[in-house]
Amino acid sequence: DLFYQNPSMINLNPVFFLKGNNYLLEAIFFIRNKPKFIEKLTEF
C-alpha cells in the first residue's frame, strides 16, 4: 500500500515493489484465502 500511496516510488524502486507483492501473496497463501490470493495476483 505504501507504494500505491507513493506511485512515483514504484518506478524508482521496482524491486522492492515486486518483493512486497511476493511476500503479500505468500502470506495470503498461508492463510488459505484463494479469492483474495487470485485478486492480489491479478493486481500484481
All heavy atoms as atom14 arrays in JSON, in Angstrom:
{
  "sequence": "DLFYQNPSMINLNPVFFLKGNNYLLEAIFFIRNKPKFIEKLTEF",
  "atom14_mask": [
    [1, 1, 1, 1, 1, 1, 1, 1, 0, 0, 0, 0, 0, 0],
    [1, 1, 1, 1, 1, 1, 1, 1, 0, 0, 0, 0, 0, 0],
    [1, 1, 1, 1, 1, 1, 1, 1, 1, 1, 1, 0, 0, 0],
    [1, 1, 1, 1, 1, 1, 1, 1, 1, 1, 1, 1, 0, 0],
    [1, 1, 1, 1, 1, 1, 1, 1, 1, 0, 0, 0, 0, 0],
    [1, 1, 1, 1, 1, 1, 1, 1, 0, 0, 0, 0, 0, 0],
    [1, 1, 1, 1, 1, 1, 1, 0, 0, 0, 0, 0, 0, 0],
    [1, 1, 1, 1, 1, 1, 0, 0, 0, 0, 0, 0, 0, 0],
    [1, 1, 1, 1, 1, 1, 1, 1, 0, 0, 0, 0, 0, 0],
    [1, 1, 1, 1, 1, 1, 1, 1, 0, 0, 0, 0, 0, 0],
    [1, 1, 1, 1, 1, 1, 1, 1, 0, 0, 0, 0, 0, 0],
    [1, 1, 1, 1, 1, 1, 1, 1, 0, 0, 0, 0, 0, 0],
    [1, 1, 1, 1, 1, 1, 1, 1, 0, 0, 0, 0, 0, 0],
    [1, 1, 1, 1, 1, 1, 1, 0, 0, 0, 0, 0, 0, 0],
    [1, 1, 1, 1, 1, 1, 1, 0, 0, 0, 0, 0, 0, 0],
    [1, 1, 1, 1, 1, 1, 1, 1, 1, 1, 1, 0, 0, 0],
    [1, 1, 1, 1, 1, 1, 1, 1, 1, 1, 1, 0, 0, 0],
    [1, 1, 1, 1, 1, 1, 1, 1, 0, 0, 0, 0, 0, 0],
    [1, 1, 1, 1, 1, 1, 1, 1, 1, 0, 0, 0, 0, 0],
    [1, 1, 1, 1, 0, 0, 0, 0, 0, 0, 0, 0, 0, 0],
    [1, 1, 1, 1, 1, 1, 1, 1, 0, 0, 0, 0, 0, 0],
    [1, 1, 1, 1, 1, 1, 1, 1, 0, 0, 0, 0, 0, 0],
    [1, 1, 1, 1, 1, 1, 1, 1, 1, 1, 1, 1, 0, 0],
    [1, 1, 1, 1, 1, 1, 1, 1, 0, 0, 0, 0, 0, 0],
    [1, 1, 1, 1, 1, 1, 1, 1, 0, 0, 0, 0, 0, 0],
    [1, 1, 1, 1, 1, 1, 1, 1, 1, 0, 0, 0, 0, 0],
    [1, 1, 1, 1, 1, 0, 0, 0, 0, 0, 0, 0, 0, 0],
    [1, 1, 1, 1, 1, 1, 1, 1, 0, 0, 0, 0, 0, 0],
    [1, 1, 1, 1, 1, 1, 1, 1, 1, 1, 1, 0, 0, 0],
    [1, 1, 1, 1, 1, 1, 1, 1, 1, 1, 1, 0, 0, 0],
    [1, 1, 1, 1, 1, 1, 1, 1, 0, 0, 0, 0, 0, 0],
    [1, 1, 1, 1, 1, 1, 1, 1, 1, 1, 1, 0, 0, 0],
    [1, 1, 1, 1, 1, 1, 1, 1, 0, 0, 0, 0, 0, 0],
    [1, 1, 1, 1, 1, 1, 1, 1, 1, 0, 0, 0, 0, 0],
    [1, 1, 1, 1, 1, 1, 1, 0, 0, 0, 0, 0, 0, 0],
    [1, 1, 1, 1, 1, 1, 1, 1, 1, 0, 0, 0, 0, 0],
    [1, 1, 1, 1, 1, 1, 1, 1, 1, 1, 1, 0, 0, 0],
    [1, 1, 1, 1, 1, 1, 1, 1, 0, 0, 0, 0, 0, 0],
    [1, 1, 1, 1, 1, 1, 1, 1, 1, 0, 0, 0, 0, 0],
    [1, 1, 1, 1, 1, 1, 1, 1, 1, 0, 0, 0, 0, 0],
    [1, 1, 1, 1, 1, 1, 1, 1, 0, 0, 0, 0, 0, 0],
    [1, 1, 1, 1, 1, 1, 1, 0, 0, 0, 0, 0, 0, 0],
    [1, 1, 1, 1, 1, 1, 1, 1, 1, 0, 0, 0, 0, 0],
    [1, 1, 1, 1, 1, 1, 1, 1, 1, 1, 1, 0, 0, 0]
  ],
  "atom14_positions": [
    [[0.83, -1.22, 0.0], [0.0, 0.0, 0.0], [0.86, 1.26, 0.0], [0.48, 2.28, -0.58], [-0.94, 0.01, 1.22], [-2.06, -1.02, 1.1], [-2.28, -1.52, -0.02], [-2.69, -1.32, 2.13], [0.0, 0.0, 0.0], [0.0, 0.0, 0.0], [0.0, 0.0, 0.0], [0.0, 0.0, 0.0], [0.0, 0.0, 0.0], [0.0, 0.0, 0.0]],
    [[2.02, 1.19, 0.68], [2.93, 2.34, 0.73], [3.35, 2.74, -0.68], [3.45, 3.94, -1.0], [4.15, 1.97, 1.58], [5.17, 3.09, 1.86], [4.56, 4.18, 2.72], [6.41, 2.51, 2.56], [0.0, 0.0, 0.0], [0.0, 0.0, 0.0], [0.0, 0.0, 0.0], [0.0, 0.0, 0.0], [0.0, 0.0, 0.0], [0.0, 0.0, 0.0]],
    [[3.58, 1.76, -1.54], [3.94, 2.05, -2.93], [2.77, 2.63, -3.71], [2.93, 3.57, -4.49], [4.45, 0.78, -3.62], [5.91, 0.54, -3.41], [6.35, -0.33, -2.41], [6.86, 1.19, -4.18], [7.7, -0.55, -2.22], [8.22, 0.98, -3.99], [8.64, 0.1, -3.0], [0.0, 0.0, 0.0], [0.0, 0.0, 0.0], [0.0, 0.0, 0.0]],
    [[1.59, 2.07, -3.5], [0.43, 2.59, -4.23], [0.07, 4.01, -3.77], [-0.5, 4.79, -4.53], [-0.76, 1.65, -4.09], [-0.65, 0.42, -4.98], [-0.62, -0.86, -4.44], [-0.53, 0.55, -6.37], [-0.49, -1.98, -5.26], [-0.4, -0.56, -7.19], [-0.39, -1.82, -6.64], [-0.25, -2.92, -7.45], [0.0, 0.0, 0.0], [0.0, 0.0, 0.0]],
    [[0.41, 4.33, -2.5], [0.2, 5.69, -2.0], [1.26, 6.66, -2.52], [1.07, 7.88, -2.51], [0.23, 5.69, -0.46], [-0.96, 4.99, 0.18], [-0.67, 4.51, 1.6], [0.37, 4.84, 2.19], [-1.56, 3.71, 2.16], [0.0, 0.0, 0.0], [0.0, 0.0, 0.0], [0.0, 0.0, 0.0], [0.0, 0.0, 0.0], [0.0, 0.0, 0.0]],
    [[2.41, 6.09, -2.94], [3.51, 6.9, -3.5], [3.91, 6.3, -4.85], [5.0, 5.71, -4.98], [4.7, 6.89, -2.54], [4.38, 7.45, -1.18], [4.52, 8.64, -0.94], [3.96, 6.59, -0.26], [0.0, 0.0, 0.0], [0.0, 0.0, 0.0], [0.0, 0.0, 0.0], [0.0, 0.0, 0.0], [0.0, 0.0, 0.0], [0.0, 0.0, 0.0]],
    [[3.05, 6.41, -5.87], [3.28, 5.72, -7.15], [4.61, 6.03, -7.82], [5.15, 5.18, -8.54], [2.1, 6.16, -8.02], [1.48, 7.31, -7.33], [1.79, 7.18, -5.88], [0.0, 0.0, 0.0], [0.0, 0.0, 0.0], [0.0, 0.0, 0.0], [0.0, 0.0, 0.0], [0.0, 0.0, 0.0], [0.0, 0.0, 0.0], [0.0, 0.0, 0.0]],
    [[5.17, 7.2, -7.59], [6.46, 7.53, -8.22], [7.57, 6.6, -7.7], [8.56, 6.37, -8.38], [6.84, 8.98, -7.93], [7.03, 9.19, -6.54], [0.0, 0.0, 0.0], [0.0, 0.0, 0.0], [0.0, 0.0, 0.0], [0.0, 0.0, 0.0], [0.0, 0.0, 0.0], [0.0, 0.0, 0.0], [0.0, 0.0, 0.0], [0.0, 0.0, 0.0]],
    [[7.36, 6.05, -6.5], [8.36, 5.16, -5.91], [8.38, 3.78, -6.58], [9.36, 3.05, -6.45], [8.11, 5.01, -4.4], [8.39, 6.27, -3.62], [10.14, 6.72, -3.72], [10.06, 8.45, -3.26], [0.0, 0.0, 0.0], [0.0, 0.0, 0.0], [0.0, 0.0, 0.0], [0.0, 0.0, 0.0], [0.0, 0.0, 0.0], [0.0, 0.0, 0.0]],
    [[7.3, 3.43, -7.26], [7.26, 2.14, -7.96], [8.32, 2.13, -9.06], [9.08, 1.18, -9.21], [5.86, 1.86, -8.54], [4.83, 1.7, -7.41], [5.88, 0.6, -9.41], [3.4, 1.5, -7.89], [0.0, 0.0, 0.0], [0.0, 0.0, 0.0], [0.0, 0.0, 0.0], [0.0, 0.0, 0.0], [0.0, 0.0, 0.0], [0.0, 0.0, 0.0]],
    [[8.4, 3.23, -9.82], [9.39, 3.32, -10.9], [10.81, 3.46, -10.37], [11.76, 3.0, -11.0], [9.07, 4.51, -11.81], [7.94, 4.18, -12.77], [7.62, 3.02, -12.98], [7.32, 5.2, -13.32], [0.0, 0.0, 0.0], [0.0, 0.0, 0.0], [0.0, 0.0, 0.0], [0.0, 0.0, 0.0], [0.0, 0.0, 0.0], [0.0, 0.0, 0.0]],
    [[10.95, 4.12, -9.21], [12.28, 4.33, -8.65], [12.78, 3.08, -7.92], [13.98, 2.8, -7.92], [12.25, 5.51, -7.67], [13.6, 6.06, -7.2], [14.46, 6.49, -8.38], [13.4, 7.2, -6.23], [0.0, 0.0, 0.0], [0.0, 0.0, 0.0], [0.0, 0.0, 0.0], [0.0, 0.0, 0.0], [0.0, 0.0, 0.0], [0.0, 0.0, 0.0]],
    [[11.86, 2.31, -7.31], [12.24, 1.11, -6.54], [11.41, -0.1, -6.98], [10.7, -0.7, -6.16], [12.03, 1.36, -5.05], [12.85, 2.52, -4.52], [14.04, 2.4, -4.3], [12.19, 3.66, -4.33], [0.0, 0.0, 0.0], [0.0, 0.0, 0.0], [0.0, 0.0, 0.0], [0.0, 0.0, 0.0], [0.0, 0.0, 0.0], [0.0, 0.0, 0.0]],
    [[11.46, -0.48, -8.25], [10.61, -1.58, -8.72], [10.87, -2.91, -8.02], [9.96, -3.71, -7.8], [10.93, -1.67, -10.22], [12.28, -1.06, -10.37], [12.34, 0.02, -9.33], [0.0, 0.0, 0.0], [0.0, 0.0, 0.0], [0.0, 0.0, 0.0], [0.0, 0.0, 0.0], [0.0, 0.0, 0.0], [0.0, 0.0, 0.0], [0.0, 0.0, 0.0]],
    [[12.14, -3.15, -7.64], [12.48, -4.42, -6.99], [11.77, -4.54, -5.64], [11.21, -5.59, -5.31], [14.01, -4.56, -6.81], [14.36, -5.74, -5.92], [14.67, -4.72, -8.18], [0.0, 0.0, 0.0], [0.0, 0.0, 0.0], [0.0, 0.0, 0.0], [0.0, 0.0, 0.0], [0.0, 0.0, 0.0], [0.0, 0.0, 0.0], [0.0, 0.0, 0.0]],
    [[11.79, -3.47, -4.85], [11.11, -3.5, -3.55], [9.59, -3.66, -3.73], [8.93, -4.31, -2.94], [11.41, -2.24, -2.75], [12.79, -2.21, -2.15], [13.39, -1.01, -1.79], [13.5, -3.39, -1.94], [14.66, -0.98, -1.24], [14.78, -3.38, -1.38], [15.36, -2.16, -1.03], [0.0, 0.0, 0.0], [0.0, 0.0, 0.0], [0.0, 0.0, 0.0]],
    [[9.07, -3.04, -4.77], [7.64, -3.19, -5.05], [7.31, -4.65, -5.36], [6.33, -5.21, -4.85], [7.23, -2.29, -6.23], [5.82, -2.51, -6.71], [4.75, -1.98, -6.02], [5.57, -3.26, -7.86], [3.44, -2.18, -6.45], [4.27, -3.47, -8.3], [3.2, -2.93, -7.59], [0.0, 0.0, 0.0], [0.0, 0.0, 0.0], [0.0, 0.0, 0.0]],
    [[8.13, -5.28, -6.21], [7.9, -6.68, -6.58], [8.03, -7.6, -5.37], [7.21, -8.51, -5.18], [8.9, -7.1, -7.66], [8.77, -6.39, -9.02], [9.92, -6.78, -9.93], [7.44, -6.72, -9.69], [0.0, 0.0, 0.0], [0.0, 0.0, 0.0], [0.0, 0.0, 0.0], [0.0, 0.0, 0.0], [0.0, 0.0, 0.0], [0.0, 0.0, 0.0]],
    [[9.04, -7.38, -4.56], [9.24, -8.23, -3.38], [8.1, -8.09, -2.39], [7.66, -9.08, -1.79], [10.58, -7.88, -2.71], [11.8, -8.39, -3.47], [13.09, -8.06, -2.76], [14.29, -8.62, -3.52], [14.36, -10.09, -3.47], [0.0, 0.0, 0.0], [0.0, 0.0, 0.0], [0.0, 0.0, 0.0], [0.0, 0.0, 0.0], [0.0, 0.0, 0.0]],
    [[7.61, -6.86, -2.21], [6.47, -6.65, -1.31], [5.26, -7.45, -1.75], [4.57, -8.09, -0.94], [0.0, 0.0, 0.0], [0.0, 0.0, 0.0], [0.0, 0.0, 0.0], [0.0, 0.0, 0.0], [0.0, 0.0, 0.0], [0.0, 0.0, 0.0], [0.0, 0.0, 0.0], [0.0, 0.0, 0.0], [0.0, 0.0, 0.0], [0.0, 0.0, 0.0]],
    [[4.99, -7.44, -3.05], [3.87, -8.22, -3.6], [4.09, -9.71, -3.42], [3.15, -10.46, -3.14], [3.66, -7.88, -5.07], [2.83, -6.63, -5.27], [1.61, -6.66, -5.24], [3.51, -5.51, -5.44], [0.0, 0.0, 0.0], [0.0, 0.0, 0.0], [0.0, 0.0, 0.0], [0.0, 0.0, 0.0], [0.0, 0.0, 0.0], [0.0, 0.0, 0.0]],
    [[5.34, -10.14, -3.58], [5.65, -11.56, -3.4], [5.32, -12.01, -1.98], [4.68, -13.05, -1.77], [7.14, -11.8, -3.69], [7.57, -13.21, -3.38], [6.96, -14.18, -3.82], [8.62, -13.34, -2.59], [0.0, 0.0, 0.0], [0.0, 0.0, 0.0], [0.0, 0.0, 0.0], [0.0, 0.0, 0.0], [0.0, 0.0, 0.0], [0.0, 0.0, 0.0]],
    [[5.75, -11.22, -0.98], [5.5, -11.61, 0.42], [4.03, -11.48, 0.78], [3.52, -12.26, 1.59], [6.37, -10.76, 1.35], [7.84, -10.9, 1.05], [8.68, -9.8, 0.97], [8.4, -12.16, 0.82], [10.03, -9.93, 0.68], [9.75, -12.3, 0.52], [10.56, -11.19, 0.45], [11.89, -11.33, 0.15], [0.0, 0.0, 0.0], [0.0, 0.0, 0.0]],
    [[3.34, -10.52, 0.17], [1.9, -10.4, 0.4], [1.19, -11.66, -0.09], [0.34, -12.24, 0.61], [1.37, -9.16, -0.31], [-0.16, -8.95, -0.27], [-0.65, -8.83, 1.17], [-0.55, -7.71, -1.07], [0.0, 0.0, 0.0], [0.0, 0.0, 0.0], [0.0, 0.0, 0.0], [0.0, 0.0, 0.0], [0.0, 0.0, 0.0], [0.0, 0.0, 0.0]],
    [[1.53, -12.11, -1.29], [0.91, -13.31, -1.85], [1.27, -14.55, -1.03], [0.44, -15.44, -0.82], [1.35, -13.49, -3.31], [0.71, -12.51, -4.29], [1.47, -12.47, -5.6], [-0.76, -12.87, -4.55], [0.0, 0.0, 0.0], [0.0, 0.0, 0.0], [0.0, 0.0, 0.0], [0.0, 0.0, 0.0], [0.0, 0.0, 0.0], [0.0, 0.0, 0.0]],
    [[2.52, -14.59, -0.55], [2.93, -15.73, 0.28], [2.14, -15.78, 1.58], [1.71, -16.85, 2.02], [4.43, -15.62, 0.58], [5.05, -16.93, 1.0], [6.57, -16.89, 1.0], [7.16, -16.2, 0.14], [7.16, -17.56, 1.85], [0.0, 0.0, 0.0], [0.0, 0.0, 0.0], [0.0, 0.0, 0.0], [0.0, 0.0, 0.0], [0.0, 0.0, 0.0]],
    [[1.92, -14.62, 2.2], [1.15, -14.57, 3.44], [-0.3, -15.01, 3.21], [-0.87, -15.77, 4.0], [1.19, -13.15, 4.02], [0.0, 0.0, 0.0], [0.0, 0.0, 0.0], [0.0, 0.0, 0.0], [0.0, 0.0, 0.0], [0.0, 0.0, 0.0], [0.0, 0.0, 0.0], [0.0, 0.0, 0.0], [0.0, 0.0, 0.0], [0.0, 0.0, 0.0]],
    [[-0.9, -14.53, 2.11], [-2.29, -14.92, 1.79], [-2.35, -16.41, 1.5], [-3.32, -17.1, 1.87], [-2.83, -14.11, 0.6], [-2.83, -12.62, 0.9], [-4.27, -14.55, 0.26], [-3.11, -11.73, -0.31], [0.0, 0.0, 0.0], [0.0, 0.0, 0.0], [0.0, 0.0, 0.0], [0.0, 0.0, 0.0], [0.0, 0.0, 0.0], [0.0, 0.0, 0.0]],
    [[-1.32, -16.96, 0.86], [-1.26, -18.4, 0.58], [-1.31, -19.2, 1.88], [-2.05, -20.18, 2.0], [0.02, -18.72, -0.19], [0.36, -20.18, -0.26], [-0.4, -21.05, -1.02], [1.42, -20.69, 0.47], [-0.09, -22.41, -1.08], [1.74, -22.04, 0.42], [0.98, -22.9, -0.35], [0.0, 0.0, 0.0], [0.0, 0.0, 0.0], [0.0, 0.0, 0.0]],
    [[-0.54, -18.77, 2.9], [-0.53, -19.49, 4.16], [-1.84, -19.34, 4.92], [-2.23, -20.22, 5.69], [0.63, -19.0, 5.03], [1.98, -19.48, 4.57], [3.05, -18.6, 4.45], [2.19, -20.81, 4.24], [4.3, -19.05, 4.02], [3.43, -21.27, 3.8], [4.48, -20.38, 3.69], [0.0, 0.0, 0.0], [0.0, 0.0, 0.0], [0.0, 0.0, 0.0]],
    [[-2.53, -18.23, 4.69], [-3.85, -18.02, 5.32], [-4.93, -18.82, 4.6], [-6.01, -19.07, 5.12], [-4.19, -16.51, 5.35], [-3.19, -15.76, 6.24], [-5.6, -16.27, 5.85], [-3.25, -14.25, 6.09], [0.0, 0.0, 0.0], [0.0, 0.0, 0.0], [0.0, 0.0, 0.0], [0.0, 0.0, 0.0], [0.0, 0.0, 0.0], [0.0, 0.0, 0.0]],
    [[-4.63, -19.24, 3.35], [-5.52, -20.08, 2.54], [-6.8, -19.34, 2.09], [-7.87, -19.91, 2.08], [-5.92, -21.35, 3.31], [-4.78, -22.33, 3.56], [-4.37, -22.96, 2.24], [-3.48, -24.09, 2.4], [-2.16, -24.04, 2.4], [-1.56, -22.87, 2.27], [-1.43, -25.12, 2.52], [0.0, 0.0, 0.0], [0.0, 0.0, 0.0], [0.0, 0.0, 0.0]],
    [[-6.62, -18.08, 1.69], [-7.77, -17.32, 1.19], [-7.6, -17.18, -0.33], [-6.97, -16.24, -0.82], [-7.81, -15.94, 1.87], [-9.04, -15.13, 1.48], [-9.63, -15.33, 0.41], [-9.43, -14.22, 2.34], [0.0, 0.0, 0.0], [0.0, 0.0, 0.0], [0.0, 0.0, 0.0], [0.0, 0.0, 0.0], [0.0, 0.0, 0.0], [0.0, 0.0, 0.0]],
    [[-8.14, -18.15, -1.08], [-7.89, -18.18, -2.53], [-8.5, -16.99, -3.27], [-7.84, -16.42, -4.15], [-8.36, -19.49, -3.15], [-7.92, -19.6, -4.61], [-7.91, -21.0, -5.14], [-7.34, -21.06, -6.55], [-7.24, -22.41, -7.1], [0.0, 0.0, 0.0], [0.0, 0.0, 0.0], [0.0, 0.0, 0.0], [0.0, 0.0, 0.0], [0.0, 0.0, 0.0]],
    [[-9.75, -16.56, -2.97], [-10.28, -15.39, -3.69], [-9.39, -14.16, -3.54], [-9.11, -13.45, -4.51], [-11.66, -15.16, -3.05], [-12.05, -16.52, -2.56], [-10.77, -17.15, -2.09], [0.0, 0.0, 0.0], [0.0, 0.0, 0.0], [0.0, 0.0, 0.0], [0.0, 0.0, 0.0], [0.0, 0.0, 0.0], [0.0, 0.0, 0.0], [0.0, 0.0, 0.0]],
    [[-8.93, -13.89, -2.3], [-8.04, -12.75, -2.06], [-6.7, -12.97, -2.77], [-6.11, -12.04, -3.33], [-7.81, -12.57, -0.55], [-6.83, -11.48, -0.17], [-7.28, -10.09, -0.59], [-8.41, -9.56, 0.26], [-8.75, -8.16, -0.07], [0.0, 0.0, 0.0], [0.0, 0.0, 0.0], [0.0, 0.0, 0.0], [0.0, 0.0, 0.0], [0.0, 0.0, 0.0]],
    [[-6.22, -14.22, -2.78], [-4.96, -14.57, -3.43], [-5.03, -14.28, -4.93], [-4.14, -13.64, -5.5], [-4.66, -16.06, -3.19], [-3.34, -16.52, -3.74], [-2.18, -16.46, -2.96], [-3.23, -17.02, -5.03], [-0.96, -16.88, -3.47], [-2.02, -17.45, -5.55], [-0.88, -17.38, -4.76], [0.0, 0.0, 0.0], [0.0, 0.0, 0.0], [0.0, 0.0, 0.0]],
    [[-6.09, -14.72, -5.57], [-6.26, -14.5, -7.02], [-6.41, -13.02, -7.32], [-5.84, -12.5, -8.3], [-7.48, -15.29, -7.55], [-7.27, -16.8, -7.39], [-7.76, -14.94, -9.01], [-6.06, -17.36, -8.14], [0.0, 0.0, 0.0], [0.0, 0.0, 0.0], [0.0, 0.0, 0.0], [0.0, 0.0, 0.0], [0.0, 0.0, 0.0], [0.0, 0.0, 0.0]],
    [[-7.12, -12.31, -6.45], [-7.3, -10.86, -6.63], [-5.96, -10.14, -6.61], [-5.66, -9.31, -7.49], [-8.21, -10.32, -5.51], [-8.39, -8.8, -5.52], [-8.94, -8.26, -4.21], [-9.69, -8.99, -3.52], [-8.61, -7.11, -3.87], [0.0, 0.0, 0.0], [0.0, 0.0, 0.0], [0.0, 0.0, 0.0], [0.0, 0.0, 0.0], [0.0, 0.0, 0.0]],
    [[-5.12, -10.46, -5.61], [-3.83, -9.79, -5.47], [-2.83, -10.23, -6.54], [-2.01, -9.44, -6.99], [-3.26, -10.03, -4.06], [-4.03, -9.34, -2.95], [-4.02, -7.83, -3.14], [-4.8, -7.11, -2.07], [-4.83, -5.63, -2.3], [0.0, 0.0, 0.0], [0.0, 0.0, 0.0], [0.0, 0.0, 0.0], [0.0, 0.0, 0.0], [0.0, 0.0, 0.0]],
    [[-2.91, -11.51, -6.94], [-2.03, -12.0, -8.01], [-2.37, -11.29, -9.33], [-1.47, -10.88, -10.07], [-2.17, -13.52, -8.16], [-1.32, -14.17, -9.27], [0.16, -13.87, -9.1], [-1.56, -15.68, -9.3], [0.0, 0.0, 0.0], [0.0, 0.0, 0.0], [0.0, 0.0, 0.0], [0.0, 0.0, 0.0], [0.0, 0.0, 0.0], [0.0, 0.0, 0.0]],
    [[-3.64, -11.14, -9.61], [-4.08, -10.46, -10.82], [-3.65, -8.99, -10.81], [-3.15, -8.45, -11.81], [-5.62, -10.55, -10.97], [-6.01, -11.92, -10.96], [-6.09, -9.9, -12.26], [0.0, 0.0, 0.0], [0.0, 0.0, 0.0], [0.0, 0.0, 0.0], [0.0, 0.0, 0.0], [0.0, 0.0, 0.0], [0.0, 0.0, 0.0], [0.0, 0.0, 0.0]],
    [[-3.81, -8.35, -9.65], [-3.41, -6.94, -9.48], [-1.9, -6.79, -9.69], [-1.44, -5.86, -10.37], [-3.79, -6.49, -8.06], [-3.69, -5.01, -7.81], [-4.17, -4.66, -6.4], [-5.4, -4.63, -6.17], [-3.32, -4.42, -5.52], [0.0, 0.0, 0.0], [0.0, 0.0, 0.0], [0.0, 0.0, 0.0], [0.0, 0.0, 0.0], [0.0, 0.0, 0.0]],
    [[-1.14, -7.72, -9.14], [0.32, -7.72, -9.28], [0.72, -7.87, -10.75], [1.55, -7.11, -11.27], [0.91, -8.85, -8.44], [2.34, -9.17, -8.77], [3.36, -8.27, -8.51], [2.69, -10.39, -9.36], [4.69, -8.57, -8.81], [4.0, -10.69, -9.66], [5.0, -9.77, -9.39], [0.0, 0.0, 0.0], [0.0, 0.0, 0.0], [0.0, 0.0, 0.0]]
  ]
}
